Amino acid sequence: MASFSSVTDLKPFKSMWKIRVRIIRLWKQFSAAGGLTIEMVVVDANIHASVMKDLVTKFDPFLSQGSSKIFINFSVGHSYGSYRTTKHPYKISFLETTRVRSCESPIEVSGFDPATYRDILDGSLNSDYLVGINVYLYSSDVIGQIVKVSPIEVVTVNGKDTNKISLELRNSK
């Protein structure tokens, strides 16, 4: 059997990859353009993975948050734009030929990379990612106590309306 590649070694224009990962975040997303998709962040190193609408029913039974899996034969493409979920320059897309297998030994990686409150407040983090202060977004996880939740606000992103919710956190240190 072929050896495993590391997520950090993934590059576009090849689909014969085989990786062992842990699904640390998983959600379903619906858009008028893309229909229902499954979105994930997986680790041995954080990377975003997507299952497009035509393949959701095929892969949904095999994917769950917290589980460790082997992914075989998927495509890797560039990860563009704002509101990305990871710092990885690429993302995984499942294909009709992708195979998902359970791992016998789970990956013991949390995938968390907490940002300091100082870095968030001074604006030194990259603004293309999904954690931030006010309208600025940064890539990292944040640990803190939620002290305020805003009402859902509709904002325009790339010409499309989307829901936004803001949280106020207290640094518990």
N, C-alpha and C. Protein backbone atom coordinates (compact mmCIF):
# COMPACT_ATOMS: atom_id res chain seq x y z
N MET A 1 0.84 -1.17 0.00
CA MET A 1 0.00 0.00 0.00
C MET A 1 0.89 1.24 0.00
N ALA A 2 0.51 2.25 -0.74
CA ALA A 2 1.28 3.48 -0.83
C ALA A 2 1.34 4.18 0.53
N SER A 3 2.45 4.89 0.76
CA SER A 3 2.58 5.61 2.02
C SER A 3 1.71 6.86 2.00
N PHE A 4 1.55 7.46 3.17
CA PHE A 4 0.72 8.65 3.32
C PHE A 4 1.53 9.91 3.01
N SER A 5 0.88 10.87 2.40
CA SER A 5 1.47 12.20 2.22
C SER A 5 1.08 13.05 3.41
N SER A 6 1.88 14.05 3.69
CA SER A 6 1.54 15.02 4.73
C SER A 6 0.67 16.11 4.10
N VAL A 7 -0.26 16.65 4.87
CA VAL A 7 -1.10 17.75 4.37
C VAL A 7 -0.23 18.92 3.94
N THR A 8 0.87 19.16 4.62
CA THR A 8 1.75 20.28 4.26
C THR A 8 2.40 20.08 2.89
N ASP A 9 2.47 18.84 2.40
CA ASP A 9 3.09 18.55 1.10
C ASP A 9 2.11 18.60 -0.07
N LEU A 10 0.82 18.77 0.18
CA LEU A 10 -0.18 18.76 -0.89
C LEU A 10 0.03 19.92 -1.86
N LYS A 11 -0.09 19.63 -3.15
CA LYS A 11 0.05 20.62 -4.21
C LYS A 11 -1.04 20.37 -5.24
N PRO A 12 -1.42 21.41 -6.01
CA PRO A 12 -2.45 21.25 -7.04
C PRO A 12 -1.99 20.36 -8.20
N PHE A 13 -2.96 20.05 -9.05
CA PHE A 13 -2.75 19.37 -10.32
C PHE A 13 -2.35 17.90 -10.17
N LYS A 14 -2.77 17.30 -9.09
CA LYS A 14 -2.56 15.87 -8.88
C LYS A 14 -3.74 15.39 -8.06
N SER A 15 -4.24 14.20 -8.34
CA SER A 15 -5.37 13.69 -7.56
C SER A 15 -5.07 12.36 -6.88
N MET A 16 -3.90 11.84 -7.07
CA MET A 16 -3.55 10.54 -6.49
C MET A 16 -2.90 10.71 -5.11
N TRP A 17 -3.54 11.50 -4.27
CA TRP A 17 -3.04 11.72 -2.92
C TRP A 17 -3.63 10.69 -1.97
N LYS A 18 -2.92 10.44 -0.88
CA LYS A 18 -3.42 9.59 0.19
C LYS A 18 -2.94 10.22 1.50
N ILE A 19 -3.90 10.69 2.31
CA ILE A 19 -3.55 11.36 3.56
C ILE A 19 -4.35 10.77 4.72
N ARG A 20 -3.78 10.88 5.91
CA ARG A 20 -4.47 10.49 7.14
C ARG A 20 -4.72 11.77 7.91
N VAL A 21 -6.00 12.05 8.24
CA VAL A 21 -6.36 13.32 8.87
C VAL A 21 -7.39 13.11 9.97
N ARG A 22 -7.57 14.13 10.76
CA ARG A 22 -8.66 14.19 11.74
C ARG A 22 -9.56 15.35 11.35
N ILE A 23 -10.86 15.12 11.33
CA ILE A 23 -11.83 16.17 11.00
C ILE A 23 -12.10 16.96 12.28
N ILE A 24 -11.57 18.20 12.34
CA ILE A 24 -11.75 18.97 13.58
C ILE A 24 -12.96 19.89 13.53
N ARG A 25 -13.42 20.24 12.33
CA ARG A 25 -14.65 21.02 12.19
C ARG A 25 -15.36 20.53 10.94
N LEU A 26 -16.69 20.40 11.03
CA LEU A 26 -17.49 19.94 9.89
C LEU A 26 -18.83 20.65 9.95
N TRP A 27 -19.27 21.18 8.81
CA TRP A 27 -20.58 21.82 8.74
C TRP A 27 -21.12 21.67 7.32
N LYS A 28 -22.44 21.78 7.22
CA LYS A 28 -23.09 21.78 5.91
C LYS A 28 -23.45 23.21 5.59
N GLN A 29 -23.31 23.55 4.32
CA GLN A 29 -23.52 24.93 3.89
C GLN A 29 -24.39 24.91 2.64
N PHE A 30 -25.32 25.85 2.56
CA PHE A 30 -26.17 25.94 1.37
C PHE A 30 -26.01 27.31 0.74
N SER A 31 -25.84 27.33 -0.57
CA SER A 31 -25.88 28.59 -1.32
C SER A 31 -26.67 28.35 -2.59
N ALA A 32 -27.27 29.41 -3.10
CA ALA A 32 -28.07 29.28 -4.33
C ALA A 32 -27.19 28.80 -5.48
N ALA A 33 -25.96 29.27 -5.53
CA ALA A 33 -25.08 28.89 -6.63
C ALA A 33 -24.52 27.48 -6.48
N GLY A 34 -24.13 27.11 -5.25
CA GLY A 34 -23.46 25.83 -5.06
C GLY A 34 -24.32 24.73 -4.50
N GLY A 35 -25.54 25.04 -4.07
CA GLY A 35 -26.39 24.03 -3.44
C GLY A 35 -25.83 23.62 -2.09
N LEU A 36 -26.20 22.44 -1.62
CA LEU A 36 -25.75 21.94 -0.33
C LEU A 36 -24.36 21.34 -0.47
N THR A 37 -23.42 21.78 0.37
CA THR A 37 -22.07 21.23 0.37
C THR A 37 -21.71 20.83 1.79
N ILE A 38 -20.71 19.96 1.92
CA ILE A 38 -20.12 19.63 3.21
C ILE A 38 -18.77 20.33 3.24
N GLU A 39 -18.52 21.10 4.30
CA GLU A 39 -17.26 21.81 4.47
C GLU A 39 -16.57 21.28 5.71
N MET A 40 -15.25 21.17 5.67
CA MET A 40 -14.49 20.62 6.79
C MET A 40 -13.16 21.35 6.94
N VAL A 41 -12.63 21.34 8.15
CA VAL A 41 -11.23 21.65 8.39
C VAL A 41 -10.65 20.36 8.93
N VAL A 42 -9.58 19.88 8.27
CA VAL A 42 -8.95 18.63 8.68
C VAL A 42 -7.50 18.90 9.04
N VAL A 43 -6.94 18.07 9.91
CA VAL A 43 -5.55 18.25 10.32
C VAL A 43 -4.77 16.96 10.21
N ASP A 44 -3.62 17.01 9.81
CA ASP A 44 -2.32 16.73 10.34
C ASP A 44 -1.64 18.09 10.30
N ALA A 45 -2.07 18.94 9.36
CA ALA A 45 -1.88 20.40 9.36
C ALA A 45 -3.21 20.94 8.83
N ASN A 46 -3.65 22.06 9.33
CA ASN A 46 -4.98 22.56 8.95
C ASN A 46 -5.10 22.80 7.45
N ILE A 47 -6.16 22.26 6.84
CA ILE A 47 -6.51 22.51 5.45
C ILE A 47 -8.02 22.40 5.32
N HIS A 48 -8.61 23.20 4.45
CA HIS A 48 -10.05 23.16 4.21
C HIS A 48 -10.34 22.08 3.19
N ALA A 49 -11.44 21.35 3.39
CA ALA A 49 -11.88 20.33 2.44
C ALA A 49 -13.36 20.53 2.15
N SER A 50 -13.76 20.28 0.90
CA SER A 50 -15.15 20.45 0.49
C SER A 50 -15.66 19.24 -0.26
N VAL A 51 -16.95 18.96 -0.03
CA VAL A 51 -17.67 17.95 -0.79
C VAL A 51 -18.80 18.70 -1.49
N MET A 52 -18.76 18.76 -2.81
CA MET A 52 -19.75 19.51 -3.57
C MET A 52 -21.10 18.80 -3.60
N LYS A 53 -22.13 19.54 -4.00
CA LYS A 53 -23.52 19.09 -3.88
C LYS A 53 -23.79 17.73 -4.50
N ASP A 54 -23.20 17.41 -5.64
CA ASP A 54 -23.48 16.14 -6.31
C ASP A 54 -22.93 14.94 -5.54
N LEU A 55 -22.01 15.18 -4.59
CA LEU A 55 -21.37 14.09 -3.86
C LEU A 55 -21.76 14.03 -2.39
N VAL A 56 -22.58 14.98 -1.93
CA VAL A 56 -22.94 15.05 -0.50
C VAL A 56 -23.57 13.75 -0.02
N THR A 57 -24.54 13.21 -0.73
CA THR A 57 -25.21 11.99 -0.26
C THR A 57 -24.26 10.79 -0.25
N LYS A 58 -23.28 10.79 -1.13
CA LYS A 58 -22.31 9.69 -1.17
C LYS A 58 -21.38 9.71 0.06
N PHE A 59 -20.90 10.90 0.44
CA PHE A 59 -19.88 10.99 1.49
C PHE A 59 -20.42 11.33 2.87
N ASP A 60 -21.60 11.92 2.98
CA ASP A 60 -22.15 12.34 4.27
C ASP A 60 -22.13 11.24 5.33
N PRO A 61 -22.50 10.01 5.02
CA PRO A 61 -22.51 8.97 6.06
C PRO A 61 -21.12 8.62 6.62
N PHE A 62 -20.06 9.00 5.92
CA PHE A 62 -18.71 8.60 6.32
C PHE A 62 -17.91 9.70 6.99
N LEU A 63 -18.49 10.90 7.11
CA LEU A 63 -17.75 12.05 7.65
C LEU A 63 -18.41 12.55 8.92
N SER A 64 -17.63 12.68 9.98
CA SER A 64 -18.16 13.23 11.23
C SER A 64 -17.05 13.99 11.95
N GLN A 65 -17.45 15.07 12.60
CA GLN A 65 -16.49 15.89 13.33
C GLN A 65 -15.85 15.07 14.43
N GLY A 66 -14.53 15.19 14.57
CA GLY A 66 -13.80 14.47 15.60
C GLY A 66 -13.25 13.13 15.15
N SER A 67 -13.68 12.64 14.00
CA SER A 67 -13.23 11.32 13.54
C SER A 67 -11.92 11.43 12.77
N SER A 68 -11.17 10.35 12.77
CA SER A 68 -9.93 10.26 11.99
C SER A 68 -10.20 9.43 10.76
N LYS A 69 -9.72 9.90 9.62
CA LYS A 69 -10.03 9.26 8.34
C LYS A 69 -8.80 9.20 7.44
N ILE A 70 -8.87 8.33 6.47
CA ILE A 70 -7.92 8.30 5.37
C ILE A 70 -8.68 8.78 4.13
N PHE A 71 -8.14 9.79 3.46
CA PHE A 71 -8.71 10.29 2.21
C PHE A 71 -7.78 9.86 1.08
N ILE A 72 -8.35 9.27 0.04
CA ILE A 72 -7.58 8.79 -1.10
C ILE A 72 -8.19 9.35 -2.38
N ASN A 73 -7.35 9.84 -3.28
CA ASN A 73 -7.76 10.32 -4.61
C ASN A 73 -8.73 11.50 -4.54
N PHE A 74 -8.22 12.67 -4.32
CA PHE A 74 -9.00 13.90 -4.27
C PHE A 74 -8.21 14.97 -5.00
N SER A 75 -8.85 16.05 -5.33
CA SER A 75 -8.12 17.13 -6.01
C SER A 75 -7.70 18.19 -5.00
N VAL A 76 -6.65 18.90 -5.35
CA VAL A 76 -6.12 19.98 -4.53
C VAL A 76 -6.08 21.23 -5.41
N GLY A 77 -6.69 22.30 -4.94
CA GLY A 77 -6.70 23.55 -5.70
C GLY A 77 -6.31 24.72 -4.81
N HIS A 78 -6.08 25.85 -5.43
CA HIS A 78 -5.71 27.05 -4.68
C HIS A 78 -6.88 27.52 -3.82
N SER A 79 -6.58 28.02 -2.64
CA SER A 79 -7.58 28.58 -1.74
C SER A 79 -7.49 30.10 -1.85
N TYR A 80 -8.53 30.71 -2.40
CA TYR A 80 -8.52 32.15 -2.68
C TYR A 80 -9.50 32.90 -1.79
N GLY A 81 -9.34 34.22 -1.76
CA GLY A 81 -10.36 35.11 -1.24
C GLY A 81 -10.34 35.34 0.25
N SER A 82 -11.29 36.13 0.66
CA SER A 82 -11.46 36.44 2.08
C SER A 82 -12.29 35.36 2.75
N TYR A 83 -12.33 35.37 4.06
CA TYR A 83 -13.14 34.46 4.87
C TYR A 83 -12.70 33.01 4.72
N ARG A 84 -11.41 32.77 4.52
CA ARG A 84 -10.91 31.40 4.44
C ARG A 84 -10.82 30.83 5.85
N THR A 85 -10.90 29.52 5.95
CA THR A 85 -10.92 28.87 7.26
C THR A 85 -9.54 28.46 7.75
N THR A 86 -8.54 28.38 6.87
CA THR A 86 -7.19 27.99 7.27
C THR A 86 -6.16 28.85 6.55
N LYS A 87 -4.92 28.79 7.02
CA LYS A 87 -3.82 29.51 6.38
C LYS A 87 -3.23 28.71 5.23
N HIS A 88 -3.61 27.45 5.07
CA HIS A 88 -3.05 26.61 4.01
C HIS A 88 -3.35 27.24 2.65
N PRO A 89 -2.37 27.30 1.74
CA PRO A 89 -2.59 27.95 0.44
C PRO A 89 -3.51 27.15 -0.49
N TYR A 90 -3.80 25.90 -0.14
CA TYR A 90 -4.62 25.04 -0.99
C TYR A 90 -5.83 24.51 -0.22
N LYS A 91 -6.77 23.92 -0.96
CA LYS A 91 -7.92 23.27 -0.35
C LYS A 91 -8.15 21.94 -1.07
N ILE A 92 -8.82 21.03 -0.37
CA ILE A 92 -9.13 19.70 -0.89
C ILE A 92 -10.55 19.71 -1.43
N SER A 93 -10.75 19.10 -2.59
CA SER A 93 -12.09 18.90 -3.14
C SER A 93 -12.27 17.41 -3.41
N PHE A 94 -13.36 16.86 -2.88
CA PHE A 94 -13.65 15.45 -3.12
C PHE A 94 -14.09 15.27 -4.57
N LEU A 95 -13.75 14.11 -5.12
CA LEU A 95 -14.13 13.72 -6.48
C LEU A 95 -15.04 12.50 -6.40
N GLU A 96 -15.64 12.14 -7.50
CA GLU A 96 -16.44 10.91 -7.57
C GLU A 96 -15.59 9.70 -7.20
N THR A 97 -14.29 9.76 -7.52
CA THR A 97 -13.37 8.64 -7.26
C THR A 97 -12.70 8.70 -5.90
N THR A 98 -12.99 9.72 -5.10
CA THR A 98 -12.40 9.83 -3.76
C THR A 98 -12.89 8.68 -2.89
N ARG A 99 -11.99 8.16 -2.08
CA ARG A 99 -12.36 7.12 -1.12
C ARG A 99 -12.07 7.63 0.29
N VAL A 100 -12.97 7.30 1.22
CA VAL A 100 -12.83 7.68 2.62
C VAL A 100 -12.82 6.40 3.44
N ARG A 101 -11.79 6.24 4.26
CA ARG A 101 -11.67 5.05 5.11
C ARG A 101 -11.46 5.50 6.55
N SER A 102 -11.91 4.69 7.49
CA SER A 102 -11.65 4.97 8.90
C SER A 102 -10.21 4.63 9.22
N CYS A 103 -9.64 5.33 10.19
CA CYS A 103 -8.28 5.04 10.66
C CYS A 103 -8.36 4.11 11.85
N GLU A 104 -7.43 3.18 11.92
CA GLU A 104 -7.37 2.31 13.09
C GLU A 104 -6.79 3.06 14.28
N SER A 105 -5.80 3.91 14.02
CA SER A 105 -5.22 4.71 15.10
C SER A 105 -5.53 6.18 14.84
N PRO A 106 -6.32 6.79 15.70
CA PRO A 106 -6.73 8.18 15.47
C PRO A 106 -5.56 9.15 15.54
N ILE A 107 -5.68 10.20 14.78
CA ILE A 107 -4.69 11.28 14.81
C ILE A 107 -4.92 12.07 16.10
N GLU A 108 -3.91 12.25 16.90
CA GLU A 108 -4.04 12.98 18.17
C GLU A 108 -3.54 14.41 18.01
N VAL A 109 -4.13 15.15 17.11
CA VAL A 109 -3.77 16.54 16.86
C VAL A 109 -5.01 17.38 17.06
N SER A 110 -4.89 18.45 17.81
CA SER A 110 -6.07 19.27 18.08
C SER A 110 -6.41 20.19 16.92
N GLY A 111 -5.40 20.67 16.20
CA GLY A 111 -5.63 21.61 15.11
C GLY A 111 -5.83 23.04 15.56
N PHE A 112 -5.78 23.30 16.85
CA PHE A 112 -6.00 24.65 17.35
C PHE A 112 -4.70 25.44 17.36
N ASP A 113 -4.80 26.71 17.02
CA ASP A 113 -3.68 27.63 16.99
C ASP A 113 -4.16 28.96 17.56
N PRO A 114 -4.32 29.04 18.89
CA PRO A 114 -4.94 30.23 19.48
C PRO A 114 -4.13 31.50 19.24
N ALA A 115 -4.82 32.56 18.87
CA ALA A 115 -4.21 33.88 18.73
C ALA A 115 -4.22 34.55 20.10
N THR A 116 -3.25 35.42 20.32
CA THR A 116 -3.28 36.19 21.56
C THR A 116 -4.23 37.37 21.37
N TYR A 117 -4.80 37.82 22.45
CA TYR A 117 -5.68 38.99 22.38
C TYR A 117 -4.90 40.20 21.88
N ARG A 118 -3.64 40.31 22.26
CA ARG A 118 -2.81 41.44 21.82
C ARG A 118 -2.71 41.47 20.29
N ASP A 119 -2.45 40.30 19.66
CA ASP A 119 -2.35 40.25 18.20
C ASP A 119 -3.67 40.61 17.52
N ILE A 120 -4.78 40.20 18.11
CA ILE A 120 -6.09 40.54 17.54
C ILE A 120 -6.32 42.04 17.64
N LEU A 121 -6.08 42.61 18.80
CA LEU A 121 -6.38 44.02 19.03
C LEU A 121 -5.44 44.97 18.30
N ASP A 122 -4.16 44.57 18.11
CA ASP A 122 -3.25 45.49 17.43
C ASP A 122 -3.28 45.36 15.90
N GLY A 123 -4.09 44.43 15.39
CA GLY A 123 -4.26 44.31 13.94
C GLY A 123 -3.11 43.67 13.21
N SER A 124 -2.25 42.91 13.91
CA SER A 124 -1.07 42.34 13.25
C SER A 124 -1.34 41.02 12.54
N LEU A 125 -2.56 40.49 12.63
CA LEU A 125 -2.88 39.22 11.97
C LEU A 125 -3.39 39.46 10.55
N ASN A 126 -3.29 38.45 9.70
CA ASN A 126 -3.74 38.53 8.31
C ASN A 126 -5.24 38.73 8.25
N SER A 127 -5.69 39.63 7.40
CA SER A 127 -7.11 40.01 7.37
C SER A 127 -7.97 39.19 6.40
N ASP A 128 -7.45 38.09 5.86
CA ASP A 128 -8.24 37.28 4.93
C ASP A 128 -8.94 36.10 5.60
N TYR A 129 -8.85 35.97 6.89
CA TYR A 129 -9.33 34.76 7.54
C TYR A 129 -10.45 35.02 8.53
N LEU A 130 -10.90 33.98 9.23
CA LEU A 130 -12.18 33.99 9.93
C LEU A 130 -12.19 34.27 11.43
N VAL A 131 -11.33 35.09 11.95
CA VAL A 131 -11.42 35.52 13.35
C VAL A 131 -11.04 36.98 13.38
N GLY A 132 -11.74 37.81 14.13
CA GLY A 132 -11.32 39.20 14.11
C GLY A 132 -12.03 40.14 15.03
N ILE A 133 -11.65 41.39 14.92
CA ILE A 133 -12.24 42.45 15.71
C ILE A 133 -12.95 43.39 14.75
N ASN A 134 -14.19 43.72 15.06
CA ASN A 134 -15.01 44.58 14.21
C ASN A 134 -15.08 44.01 12.80
N VAL A 135 -14.64 44.74 11.78
CA VAL A 135 -14.74 44.24 10.41
C VAL A 135 -13.48 43.52 9.96
N TYR A 136 -12.46 43.50 10.77
CA TYR A 136 -11.21 42.87 10.37
C TYR A 136 -11.25 41.40 10.76
N LEU A 137 -10.79 40.55 9.87
CA LEU A 137 -10.85 39.11 10.11
C LEU A 137 -9.45 38.54 10.12
N TYR A 138 -9.21 37.57 10.99
CA TYR A 138 -7.89 36.99 11.14
C TYR A 138 -7.98 35.47 11.21
N SER A 139 -6.87 34.80 10.89
CA SER A 139 -6.85 33.35 10.92
C SER A 139 -6.24 32.87 12.22
N SER A 140 -7.02 32.33 13.06
CA SER A 140 -6.55 31.71 14.28
C SER A 140 -7.77 31.31 15.09
N ASP A 141 -7.51 30.53 16.09
CA ASP A 141 -8.55 30.21 17.05
C ASP A 141 -8.41 31.19 18.20
N VAL A 142 -9.50 31.42 18.90
CA VAL A 142 -9.49 32.33 20.03
C VAL A 142 -10.12 31.61 21.21
N ILE A 143 -9.49 31.75 22.36
CA ILE A 143 -10.03 31.16 23.58
C ILE A 143 -10.44 32.30 24.49
N GLY A 144 -11.68 32.26 24.97
CA GLY A 144 -12.16 33.30 25.86
C GLY A 144 -13.59 33.02 26.27
N GLN A 145 -14.10 33.84 27.16
CA GLN A 145 -15.48 33.72 27.62
C GLN A 145 -16.36 34.63 26.78
N ILE A 146 -17.45 34.08 26.22
CA ILE A 146 -18.39 34.89 25.45
C ILE A 146 -19.21 35.73 26.42
N VAL A 147 -19.15 37.07 26.25
CA VAL A 147 -19.89 37.95 27.14
C VAL A 147 -21.01 38.70 26.43
N LYS A 148 -21.00 38.69 25.08
CA LYS A 148 -22.05 39.37 24.34
C LYS A 148 -22.16 38.75 22.95
N VAL A 149 -23.40 38.57 22.49
CA VAL A 149 -23.68 38.04 21.16
C VAL A 149 -24.55 39.06 20.44
N SER A 150 -24.12 39.46 19.24
CA SER A 150 -24.90 40.45 18.48
C SER A 150 -26.07 39.78 17.77
N PRO A 151 -27.07 40.56 17.40
CA PRO A 151 -28.12 40.01 16.53
C PRO A 151 -27.51 39.67 15.16
N ILE A 152 -28.16 38.79 14.43
CA ILE A 152 -27.70 38.45 13.09
C ILE A 152 -27.83 39.68 12.21
N GLU A 153 -26.77 39.97 11.48
CA GLU A 153 -26.72 41.13 10.59
C GLU A 153 -26.49 40.62 9.16
N VAL A 154 -27.17 41.17 8.19
CA VAL A 154 -26.96 40.81 6.79
C VAL A 154 -25.92 41.76 6.21
N VAL A 155 -24.81 41.19 5.71
CA VAL A 155 -23.75 41.99 5.11
C VAL A 155 -23.51 41.50 3.69
N THR A 156 -22.99 42.37 2.84
CA THR A 156 -22.69 41.99 1.47
C THR A 156 -21.22 41.60 1.36
N VAL A 157 -20.98 40.39 0.87
CA VAL A 157 -19.63 39.87 0.69
C VAL A 157 -19.50 39.42 -0.76
N ASN A 158 -18.54 40.00 -1.47
CA ASN A 158 -18.34 39.66 -2.88
C ASN A 158 -19.64 39.79 -3.67
N GLY A 159 -20.42 40.83 -3.37
CA GLY A 159 -21.65 41.08 -4.10
C GLY A 159 -22.84 40.25 -3.68
N LYS A 160 -22.70 39.44 -2.63
CA LYS A 160 -23.80 38.58 -2.18
C LYS A 160 -24.10 38.84 -0.71
N ASP A 161 -25.38 38.81 -0.36
CA ASP A 161 -25.78 38.98 1.04
C ASP A 161 -25.49 37.70 1.82
N THR A 162 -24.96 37.88 3.04
CA THR A 162 -24.69 36.74 3.91
C THR A 162 -24.94 37.16 5.35
N ASN A 163 -25.26 36.21 6.19
CA ASN A 163 -25.52 36.50 7.60
C ASN A 163 -24.21 36.60 8.37
N LYS A 164 -24.16 37.53 9.32
CA LYS A 164 -22.98 37.73 10.15
C LYS A 164 -23.44 37.85 11.60
N ILE A 165 -22.70 37.24 12.49
CA ILE A 165 -22.95 37.38 13.92
C ILE A 165 -21.62 37.74 14.57
N SER A 166 -21.64 38.65 15.52
CA SER A 166 -20.43 39.07 16.22
C SER A 166 -20.50 38.62 17.66
N LEU A 167 -19.35 38.23 18.19
CA LEU A 167 -19.24 37.82 19.59
C LEU A 167 -18.27 38.75 20.29
N GLU A 168 -18.58 39.12 21.52
CA GLU A 168 -17.62 39.84 22.35
C GLU A 168 -17.05 38.83 23.33
N LEU A 169 -15.72 38.75 23.37
CA LEU A 169 -15.06 37.78 24.24
C LEU A 169 -14.31 38.48 25.36
N ARG A 170 -14.20 37.80 26.48
CA ARG A 170 -13.40 38.28 27.60
C ARG A 170 -12.20 37.36 27.72
N ASN A 171 -11.02 37.97 27.82
CA ASN A 171 -9.80 37.20 28.02
C ASN A 171 -9.83 36.66 29.44
N SER A 172 -9.81 35.36 29.58
CA SER A 172 -9.94 34.76 30.91
C SER A 172 -8.61 34.61 31.62
N LYS A 173 -7.53 35.07 31.01
CA LYS A 173 -6.21 34.98 31.67
C LYS A 173 -6.01 36.11 32.63
